[in-house]
Amino acid sequence: MKWDWSAVSDFMPHFWDGLLVTLQALALGSVISFALGLVWALLMRMPSRWVRWPVGVVTEFVRNTPLLVQLFFLFYVLPEWDITFSALTTGVVAIGLHYSTYTMQVYRAGIEGVPAGQWEAATALSLPLARTWTAVILPQAVRRVVPALGNYVISMLKDTPLLMAITVLDMLGEARLYSQQHFQFTEPLTVIGVAFILISYPASLLLRALERRLVH
């Protein structure tokens, strides 16, 4: 087998288009998962079981069903109910929703890890509940869980190729399309594999350094 550098150069414009879509999906999906995960975590601490029970059912269902099934459901089933989004929007929502059920557990662990004395001090100072959460509890909880949240960003990156199943041309989607059109698979797929390594491995090293700094 001979490596064809001309195929690599020919594929690169498609690669950059796919990389942009991948990073868009990753960034927007991360925002949704972080924000919605925090909402889930706060709702699970509500005193009313009529709030906790449905939230628990929904999050358990999402967490225990494959992301690919959720992608197909949102993309193919919702239009039958006259709810239609673009393929990329559907993918972003699916990734964000799916991973929010994991970030919820991260937030819960961070909140439960805040020392009881912090709650008692806020009560002694007669701080309003909203002020207690925003000024005392959440800043400490989030600081503890930043590395864990970062790990889920890397996991989301590695799941973005699933968006190809609903016609999103991310990096892998562009490589697959190029390969089918030009009957050259080795070069574009190798470029994609190297790209994932060049993105995810430095990110993991950064997270380790961040974890050491935050913990110590």
C-alpha atoms as a PDB file:
ATOM      1  CA  MET A   1       0.000   0.000   0.000  1.00  0.00           C
ATOM      2  CA  LYS A   2       1.386   3.370  -1.043  1.00  0.00           C
ATOM      3  CA  TRP A   3       0.696   6.519   0.927  1.00  0.00           C
ATOM      4  CA  ASP A   4      -0.765   9.222  -1.332  1.00  0.00           C
ATOM      5  CA  TRP A   5       0.196  12.709  -0.125  1.00  0.00           C
ATOM      6  CA  SER A   6      -1.823  14.314  -2.897  1.00  0.00           C
ATOM      7  CA  ALA A   7      -4.940  12.730  -1.418  1.00  0.00           C
ATOM      8  CA  VAL A   8      -4.072  14.276   1.943  1.00  0.00           C
ATOM      9  CA  SER A   9      -3.685  17.757   0.461  1.00  0.00           C
ATOM     10  CA  ASP A  10      -6.886  17.289  -1.512  1.00  0.00           C
ATOM     11  CA  PHE A  11      -8.760  16.205   1.592  1.00  0.00           C
ATOM     12  CA  MET A  12      -7.525  19.001   3.898  1.00  0.00           C
ATOM     13  CA  PRO A  13     -10.130  21.649   2.878  1.00  0.00           C
ATOM     14  CA  HIS A  14     -12.823  19.124   3.734  1.00  0.00           C
ATOM     15  CA  PHE A  15     -11.023  18.331   6.972  1.00  0.00           C
ATOM     16  CA  TRP A  16     -11.059  21.967   8.100  1.00  0.00           C
ATOM     17  CA  ASP A  17     -14.778  22.194   7.358  1.00  0.00           C
ATOM     18  CA  GLY A  18     -15.380  19.066   9.419  1.00  0.00           C
ATOM     19  CA  LEU A  19     -13.154  20.277  12.236  1.00  0.00           C
ATOM     20  CA  LEU A  20     -15.165  23.494  12.493  1.00  0.00           C
ATOM     21  CA  VAL A  21     -18.406  21.540  12.755  1.00  0.00           C
ATOM     22  CA  THR A  22     -16.863  19.201  15.343  1.00  0.00           C
ATOM     23  CA  LEU A  23     -15.680  22.092  17.505  1.00  0.00           C
ATOM     24  CA  GLN A  24     -19.047  23.833  17.204  1.00  0.00           C
ATOM     25  CA  ALA A  25     -20.870  20.709  18.316  1.00  0.00           C
ATOM     26  CA  LEU A  26     -18.394  20.185  21.149  1.00  0.00           C
ATOM     27  CA  ALA A  27     -18.552  23.772  22.428  1.00  0.00           C
ATOM     28  CA  LEU A  28     -22.332  24.113  22.277  1.00  0.00           C
ATOM     29  CA  GLY A  29     -22.911  20.614  23.620  1.00  0.00           C
ATOM     30  CA  SER A  30     -20.586  21.343  26.539  1.00  0.00           C
ATOM     31  CA  VAL A  31     -22.450  24.547  27.391  1.00  0.00           C
ATOM     32  CA  ILE A  32     -25.778  22.712  27.386  1.00  0.00           C
ATOM     33  CA  SER A  33     -24.453  19.801  29.443  1.00  0.00           C
ATOM     34  CA  PHE A  34     -22.833  22.059  32.053  1.00  0.00           C
ATOM     35  CA  ALA A  35     -25.846  24.351  32.419  1.00  0.00           C
ATOM     36  CA  LEU A  36     -28.501  21.634  32.344  1.00  0.00           C
ATOM     37  CA  GLY A  37     -26.455  19.359  34.589  1.00  0.00           C
ATOM     38  CA  LEU A  38     -26.365  22.074  37.236  1.00  0.00           C
ATOM     39  CA  VAL A  39     -30.126  22.541  36.927  1.00  0.00           C
ATOM     40  CA  TRP A  40     -30.674  18.785  37.366  1.00  0.00           C
ATOM     41  CA  ALA A  41     -28.375  18.747  40.423  1.00  0.00           C
ATOM     42  CA  LEU A  42     -30.185  21.651  42.073  1.00  0.00           C
ATOM     43  CA  LEU A  43     -33.610  20.170  41.354  1.00  0.00           C
ATOM     44  CA  MET A  44     -32.523  16.869  42.916  1.00  0.00           C
ATOM     45  CA  ARG A  45     -31.866  18.769  46.148  1.00  0.00           C
ATOM     46  CA  MET A  46     -35.381  20.176  46.281  1.00  0.00           C
ATOM     47  CA  PRO A  47     -37.346  19.070  49.357  1.00  0.00           C
ATOM     48  CA  SER A  48     -40.391  18.031  47.316  1.00  0.00           C
ATOM     49  CA  ARG A  49     -40.312  14.480  46.034  1.00  0.00           C
ATOM     50  CA  TRP A  50     -42.724  15.586  43.293  1.00  0.00           C
ATOM     51  CA  VAL A  51     -39.780  17.506  41.851  1.00  0.00           C
ATOM     52  CA  ARG A  52     -37.030  14.993  42.593  1.00  0.00           C
ATOM     53  CA  TRP A  53     -38.914  11.924  41.322  1.00  0.00           C
ATOM     54  CA  PRO A  54     -39.592  13.061  37.718  1.00  0.00           C
ATOM     55  CA  VAL A  55     -36.114  14.572  37.431  1.00  0.00           C
ATOM     56  CA  GLY A  56     -34.615  11.299  38.631  1.00  0.00           C
ATOM     57  CA  VAL A  57     -36.681   9.263  36.162  1.00  0.00           C
ATOM     58  CA  VAL A  58     -35.768  11.472  33.207  1.00  0.00           C
ATOM     59  CA  THR A  59     -32.058  11.597  33.984  1.00  0.00           C
ATOM     60  CA  GLU A  60     -31.826   7.854  34.639  1.00  0.00           C
ATOM     61  CA  PHE A  61     -33.604   7.127  31.371  1.00  0.00           C
ATOM     62  CA  VAL A  62     -31.302   9.413  29.384  1.00  0.00           C
ATOM     63  CA  ARG A  63     -28.159   8.134  31.081  1.00  0.00           C
ATOM     64  CA  ASN A  64     -29.047   4.491  30.540  1.00  0.00           C
ATOM     65  CA  THR A  65     -29.985   4.668  26.866  1.00  0.00           C
ATOM     66  CA  PRO A  66     -27.381   4.922  24.086  1.00  0.00           C
ATOM     67  CA  LEU A  67     -26.589   8.345  22.689  1.00  0.00           C
ATOM     68  CA  LEU A  68     -27.057   6.984  19.176  1.00  0.00           C
ATOM     69  CA  VAL A  69     -30.636   5.945  19.963  1.00  0.00           C
ATOM     70  CA  GLN A  70     -31.330   9.425  21.330  1.00  0.00           C
ATOM     71  CA  LEU A  71     -29.879  11.001  18.190  1.00  0.00           C
ATOM     72  CA  PHE A  72     -32.131   8.872  15.976  1.00  0.00           C
ATOM     73  CA  PHE A  73     -35.164   9.658  18.122  1.00  0.00           C
ATOM     74  CA  LEU A  74     -34.646  13.424  18.016  1.00  0.00           C
ATOM     75  CA  PHE A  75     -33.786  13.459  14.324  1.00  0.00           C
ATOM     76  CA  TYR A  76     -36.345  11.011  12.921  1.00  0.00           C
ATOM     77  CA  VAL A  77     -39.213  10.855  15.440  1.00  0.00           C
ATOM     78  CA  LEU A  78     -39.662  14.484  16.522  1.00  0.00           C
ATOM     79  CA  PRO A  79     -40.419  15.665  12.947  1.00  0.00           C
ATOM     80  CA  GLU A  80     -43.443  13.353  13.009  1.00  0.00           C
ATOM     81  CA  TRP A  81     -44.699  15.609  15.812  1.00  0.00           C
ATOM     82  CA  ASP A  82     -43.914  18.726  13.756  1.00  0.00           C
ATOM     83  CA  ILE A  83     -40.803  19.463  15.825  1.00  0.00           C
ATOM     84  CA  THR A  84     -37.940  19.948  13.417  1.00  0.00           C
ATOM     85  CA  PHE A  85     -34.377  21.141  13.887  1.00  0.00           C
ATOM     86  CA  SER A  86     -31.326  21.121  11.657  1.00  0.00           C
ATOM     87  CA  ALA A  87     -29.090  18.080  11.875  1.00  0.00           C
ATOM     88  CA  LEU A  88     -26.361  19.994  13.716  1.00  0.00           C
ATOM     89  CA  THR A  89     -28.816  21.521  16.192  1.00  0.00           C
ATOM     90  CA  THR A  90     -30.297  18.090  16.843  1.00  0.00           C
ATOM     91  CA  GLY A  91     -26.832  16.662  17.447  1.00  0.00           C
ATOM     92  CA  VAL A  92     -25.845  19.470  19.792  1.00  0.00           C
ATOM     93  CA  VAL A  93     -29.049  19.095  21.815  1.00  0.00           C
ATOM     94  CA  ALA A  94     -28.670  15.316  21.998  1.00  0.00           C
ATOM     95  CA  ILE A  95     -25.048  15.463  23.156  1.00  0.00           C
ATOM     96  CA  GLY A  96     -25.769  18.227  25.649  1.00  0.00           C
ATOM     97  CA  LEU A  97     -28.806  16.441  27.079  1.00  0.00           C
ATOM     98  CA  HIS A  98     -27.050  13.086  27.265  1.00  0.00           C
ATOM     99  CA  TYR A  99     -23.973  14.383  29.043  1.00  0.00           C
ATOM    100  CA  SER A 100     -25.962  16.648  31.362  1.00  0.00           C
ATOM    101  CA  THR A 101     -27.057  13.513  33.204  1.00  0.00           C
ATOM    102  CA  TYR A 102     -23.385  12.783  33.922  1.00  0.00           C
ATOM    103  CA  THR A 103     -22.380  16.333  34.811  1.00  0.00           C
ATOM    104  CA  MET A 104     -25.352  16.343  37.185  1.00  0.00           C
ATOM    105  CA  GLN A 105     -23.646  13.641  39.241  1.00  0.00           C
ATOM    106  CA  VAL A 106     -20.391  15.601  39.173  1.00  0.00           C
ATOM    107  CA  TYR A 107     -22.131  18.712  40.490  1.00  0.00           C
ATOM    108  CA  ARG A 108     -23.913  16.690  43.173  1.00  0.00           C
ATOM    109  CA  ALA A 109     -20.608  15.297  44.384  1.00  0.00           C
ATOM    110  CA  GLY A 110     -19.097  18.785  44.430  1.00  0.00           C
ATOM    111  CA  ILE A 111     -22.018  20.240  46.381  1.00  0.00           C
ATOM    112  CA  GLU A 112     -22.010  17.397  48.886  1.00  0.00           C
ATOM    113  CA  GLY A 113     -18.258  17.878  49.299  1.00  0.00           C
ATOM    114  CA  VAL A 114     -18.649  21.433  50.582  1.00  0.00           C
ATOM    115  CA  PRO A 115     -17.996  21.313  54.372  1.00  0.00           C
ATOM    116  CA  ALA A 116     -21.064  21.567  56.581  1.00  0.00           C
ATOM    117  CA  GLY A 117     -19.430  24.501  58.331  1.00  0.00           C
ATOM    118  CA  GLN A 118     -19.911  26.590  55.192  1.00  0.00           C
ATOM    119  CA  TRP A 119     -23.656  26.066  55.344  1.00  0.00           C
ATOM    120  CA  GLU A 120     -23.674  26.836  59.069  1.00  0.00           C
ATOM    121  CA  ALA A 121     -21.661  30.024  58.553  1.00  0.00           C
ATOM    122  CA  ALA A 122     -24.064  31.219  55.866  1.00  0.00           C
ATOM    123  CA  THR A 123     -26.984  30.521  58.181  1.00  0.00           C
ATOM    124  CA  ALA A 124     -25.271  32.343  61.054  1.00  0.00           C
ATOM    125  CA  LEU A 125     -24.795  35.372  58.813  1.00  0.00           C
ATOM    126  CA  SER A 126     -28.488  35.240  57.843  1.00  0.00           C
ATOM    127  CA  LEU A 127     -27.625  35.094  54.170  1.00  0.00           C
ATOM    128  CA  PRO A 128     -30.603  34.610  51.841  1.00  0.00           C
ATOM    129  CA  LEU A 129     -30.766  31.169  50.299  1.00  0.00           C
ATOM    130  CA  ALA A 130     -29.987  32.465  46.816  1.00  0.00           C
ATOM    131  CA  ARG A 131     -26.962  34.348  48.160  1.00  0.00           C
ATOM    132  CA  THR A 132     -25.798  31.253  50.031  1.00  0.00           C
ATOM    133  CA  TRP A 133     -25.820  29.237  46.840  1.00  0.00           C
ATOM    134  CA  THR A 134     -24.275  31.816  44.512  1.00  0.00           C
ATOM    135  CA  ALA A 135     -21.661  33.282  46.875  1.00  0.00           C
ATOM    136  CA  VAL A 136     -20.744  30.379  49.156  1.00  0.00           C
ATOM    137  CA  ILE A 137     -21.711  26.910  47.969  1.00  0.00           C
ATOM    138  CA  LEU A 138     -21.501  26.896  44.176  1.00  0.00           C
ATOM    139  CA  PRO A 139     -18.106  28.663  43.884  1.00  0.00           C
ATOM    140  CA  GLN A 140     -16.547  26.033  46.141  1.00  0.00           C
ATOM    141  CA  ALA A 141     -18.412  23.117  44.545  1.00  0.00           C
ATOM    142  CA  VAL A 142     -17.598  24.098  40.966  1.00  0.00           C
ATOM    143  CA  ARG A 143     -13.927  24.607  41.786  1.00  0.00           C
ATOM    144  CA  ARG A 144     -13.757  21.032  43.028  1.00  0.00           C
ATOM    145  CA  VAL A 145     -15.356  19.508  39.954  1.00  0.00           C
ATOM    146  CA  VAL A 146     -13.717  21.427  37.078  1.00  0.00           C
ATOM    147  CA  PRO A 147     -11.310  18.560  36.230  1.00  0.00           C
ATOM    148  CA  ALA A 148     -14.154  16.024  36.180  1.00  0.00           C
ATOM    149  CA  LEU A 149     -16.220  18.281  33.926  1.00  0.00           C
ATOM    150  CA  GLY A 150     -13.217  18.601  31.641  1.00  0.00           C
ATOM    151  CA  ASN A 151     -13.018  14.826  31.338  1.00  0.00           C
ATOM    152  CA  TYR A 152     -16.570  14.790  30.029  1.00  0.00           C
ATOM    153  CA  VAL A 153     -15.651  17.399  27.424  1.00  0.00           C
ATOM    154  CA  ILE A 154     -13.033  14.973  26.100  1.00  0.00           C
ATOM    155  CA  SER A 155     -15.635  12.203  26.129  1.00  0.00           C
ATOM    156  CA  MET A 156     -18.003  14.433  24.174  1.00  0.00           C
ATOM    157  CA  LEU A 157     -15.273  15.083  21.625  1.00  0.00           C
ATOM    158  CA  LYS A 158     -14.868  11.358  21.075  1.00  0.00           C
ATOM    159  CA  ASP A 159     -18.643  10.957  20.671  1.00  0.00           C
ATOM    160  CA  THR A 160     -19.053  13.687  18.062  1.00  0.00           C
ATOM    161  CA  PRO A 161     -18.460  11.188  15.199  1.00  0.00           C
ATOM    162  CA  LEU A 162     -21.857   9.709  16.095  1.00  0.00           C
ATOM    163  CA  LEU A 163     -23.404  12.842  14.578  1.00  0.00           C
ATOM    164  CA  MET A 164     -22.471  11.436  11.182  1.00  0.00           C
ATOM    165  CA  ALA A 165     -25.395   9.031  11.658  1.00  0.00           C
ATOM    166  CA  ILE A 166     -27.827  11.953  11.313  1.00  0.00           C
ATOM    167  CA  THR A 167     -26.027  13.487   8.291  1.00  0.00           C
ATOM    168  CA  VAL A 168     -23.849  15.975  10.183  1.00  0.00           C
ATOM    169  CA  LEU A 169     -20.569  16.396   8.310  1.00  0.00           C
ATOM    170  CA  ASP A 170     -18.151  16.536  11.209  1.00  0.00           C
ATOM    171  CA  MET A 171     -14.541  15.417  10.743  1.00  0.00           C
ATOM    172  CA  LEU A 172     -15.453  11.764  10.322  1.00  0.00           C
ATOM    173  CA  GLY A 173     -18.431  12.620   8.153  1.00  0.00           C
ATOM    174  CA  GLU A 174     -16.233  14.623   5.802  1.00  0.00           C
ATOM    175  CA  ALA A 175     -13.661  11.793   5.714  1.00  0.00           C
ATOM    176  CA  ARG A 176     -16.329   9.199   4.938  1.00  0.00           C
ATOM    177  CA  LEU A 177     -17.842  11.338   2.182  1.00  0.00           C
ATOM    178  CA  TYR A 178     -14.450  12.031   0.627  1.00  0.00           C
ATOM    179  CA  SER A 179     -13.488   8.359   0.811  1.00  0.00           C
ATOM    180  CA  GLN A 180     -16.676   7.235  -0.901  1.00  0.00           C
ATOM    181  CA  GLN A 181     -16.281   9.809  -3.660  1.00  0.00           C
ATOM    182  CA  HIS A 182     -12.591   9.167  -4.337  1.00  0.00           C
ATOM    183  CA  PHE A 183     -12.251   5.516  -3.230  1.00  0.00           C
ATOM    184  CA  GLN A 184      -9.381   6.482  -0.909  1.00  0.00           C
ATOM    185  CA  PHE A 185      -9.905   5.539   2.709  1.00  0.00           C
ATOM    186  CA  THR A 186      -6.469   5.283   4.292  1.00  0.00           C
ATOM    187  CA  GLU A 187      -5.361   8.917   4.047  1.00  0.00           C
ATOM    188  CA  PRO A 188      -8.534  10.750   5.203  1.00  0.00           C
ATOM    189  CA  LEU A 189      -9.268   8.319   8.037  1.00  0.00           C
ATOM    190  CA  THR A 190      -5.658   8.489   9.214  1.00  0.00           C
ATOM    191  CA  VAL A 191      -5.814  12.290   9.222  1.00  0.00           C
ATOM    192  CA  ILE A 192      -8.966  12.131  11.348  1.00  0.00           C
ATOM    193  CA  GLY A 193      -7.391   9.712  13.822  1.00  0.00           C
ATOM    194  CA  VAL A 194      -4.318  11.898  14.202  1.00  0.00           C
ATOM    195  CA  ALA A 195      -6.522  14.980  14.640  1.00  0.00           C
ATOM    196  CA  PHE A 196      -8.434  13.390  17.508  1.00  0.00           C
ATOM    197  CA  ILE A 197      -5.169  12.463  19.216  1.00  0.00           C
ATOM    198  CA  LEU A 198      -3.729  15.965  18.753  1.00  0.00           C
ATOM    199  CA  ILE A 199      -6.832  17.472  20.334  1.00  0.00           C
ATOM    200  CA  SER A 200      -7.670  15.029  23.113  1.00  0.00           C
ATOM    201  CA  TYR A 201      -4.216  14.121  24.436  1.00  0.00           C
ATOM    202  CA  PRO A 202      -2.999  17.712  25.095  1.00  0.00           C
ATOM    203  CA  ALA A 203      -6.420  18.430  26.609  1.00  0.00           C
ATOM    204  CA  SER A 204      -6.013  15.512  29.014  1.00  0.00           C
ATOM    205  CA  LEU A 205      -2.563  16.766  30.040  1.00  0.00           C
ATOM    206  CA  LEU A 206      -4.006  20.222  30.643  1.00  0.00           C
ATOM    207  CA  LEU A 207      -6.737  18.734  32.805  1.00  0.00           C
ATOM    208  CA  ARG A 208      -4.199  16.832  34.915  1.00  0.00           C
ATOM    209  CA  ALA A 209      -2.230  20.021  35.497  1.00  0.00           C
ATOM    210  CA  LEU A 210      -5.426  21.890  36.341  1.00  0.00           C
ATOM    211  CA  GLU A 211      -6.479  19.157  38.758  1.00  0.00           C
ATOM    212  CA  ARG A 212      -3.142  19.287  40.573  1.00  0.00           C
ATOM    213  CA  ARG A 213      -3.406  23.044  40.869  1.00  0.00           C
ATOM    214  CA  LEU A 214      -6.989  23.049  42.143  1.00  0.00           C
ATOM    215  CA  VAL A 215      -6.576  20.133  44.529  1.00  0.00           C
ATOM    216  CA  HIS A 216      -3.265  21.269  45.969  1.00  0.00           C
END
